Amino acid sequence: MISMIMVYLAIAFAIPGLPCLQEGEADQSFLDYKIDEFVLEGKTIFRLENLVGMYGLKKGDPYSPKLIKEKLEVIQRVFLNYGYIDFTYTPRINVNHEEKTVSCAFLLLPGKQYFVKQINILGIRDKNDDKEIRSVLNEYFVNEGKLFNSIAFEMCSRKLERLLESKNLTLKECKYERSSDQGTVDISIRIQTKGR
């Protein structure tokens, strides 16, 4: 008997009738079930068969909600790297309990691609501080007019914290605000002297 079940990964990717993988539980309880197919659907700038080939699962692989979630997180990171900060997906899972197989299909919804509109650096003491901060931004390709990469932005923020720490400064704020209408983000960086 084949059952169609909508699974929402935010609720732990559990499928009724299958044992649920709990935190710390080994994947061994899923060895009885195999992947029948792993399909990505939707309109994206990427060839879906390439994403499946690089990050998907193959027919006959052991079924593992944990592994599927990890694969989808990797796919999400690919889209985040290309400015798709609203990326999401909708899962569709078919379970065949008789054959102990699971078919997984995911509709990819990348949303709008975002670009950096402007970068505001507030609280700098001199032109040298501004130059050093912009150098770090440039190192992570966080520049005005370029695609916004939220993962690179997070890494850049951590590096700025370390840089400013060595100069007796504090990174008080490093955030971005999106404009969905324009498909842009404005970046705000606020620094201050330690102890203030």
Foldseek 3Di string as FASTA:
>chain_A
DKDKDWADVVVQRDDPPADGDDVPRDQVSQQLAWAQEEAEDEDDPDDRVVLCVVQNDDGGHGDDSVSVVVSVVVVVLVLLQQQLPVKDKTWIWMADPVSRYIYIYIYIDSAFGAFAAEEAEPADDDPVLVVVLVVLCVVLPNDHPGTHRVVSQVVSVVVVQVVQVVVQKGFPDWDWDDDSVVRYIYTYTYMHHPPD
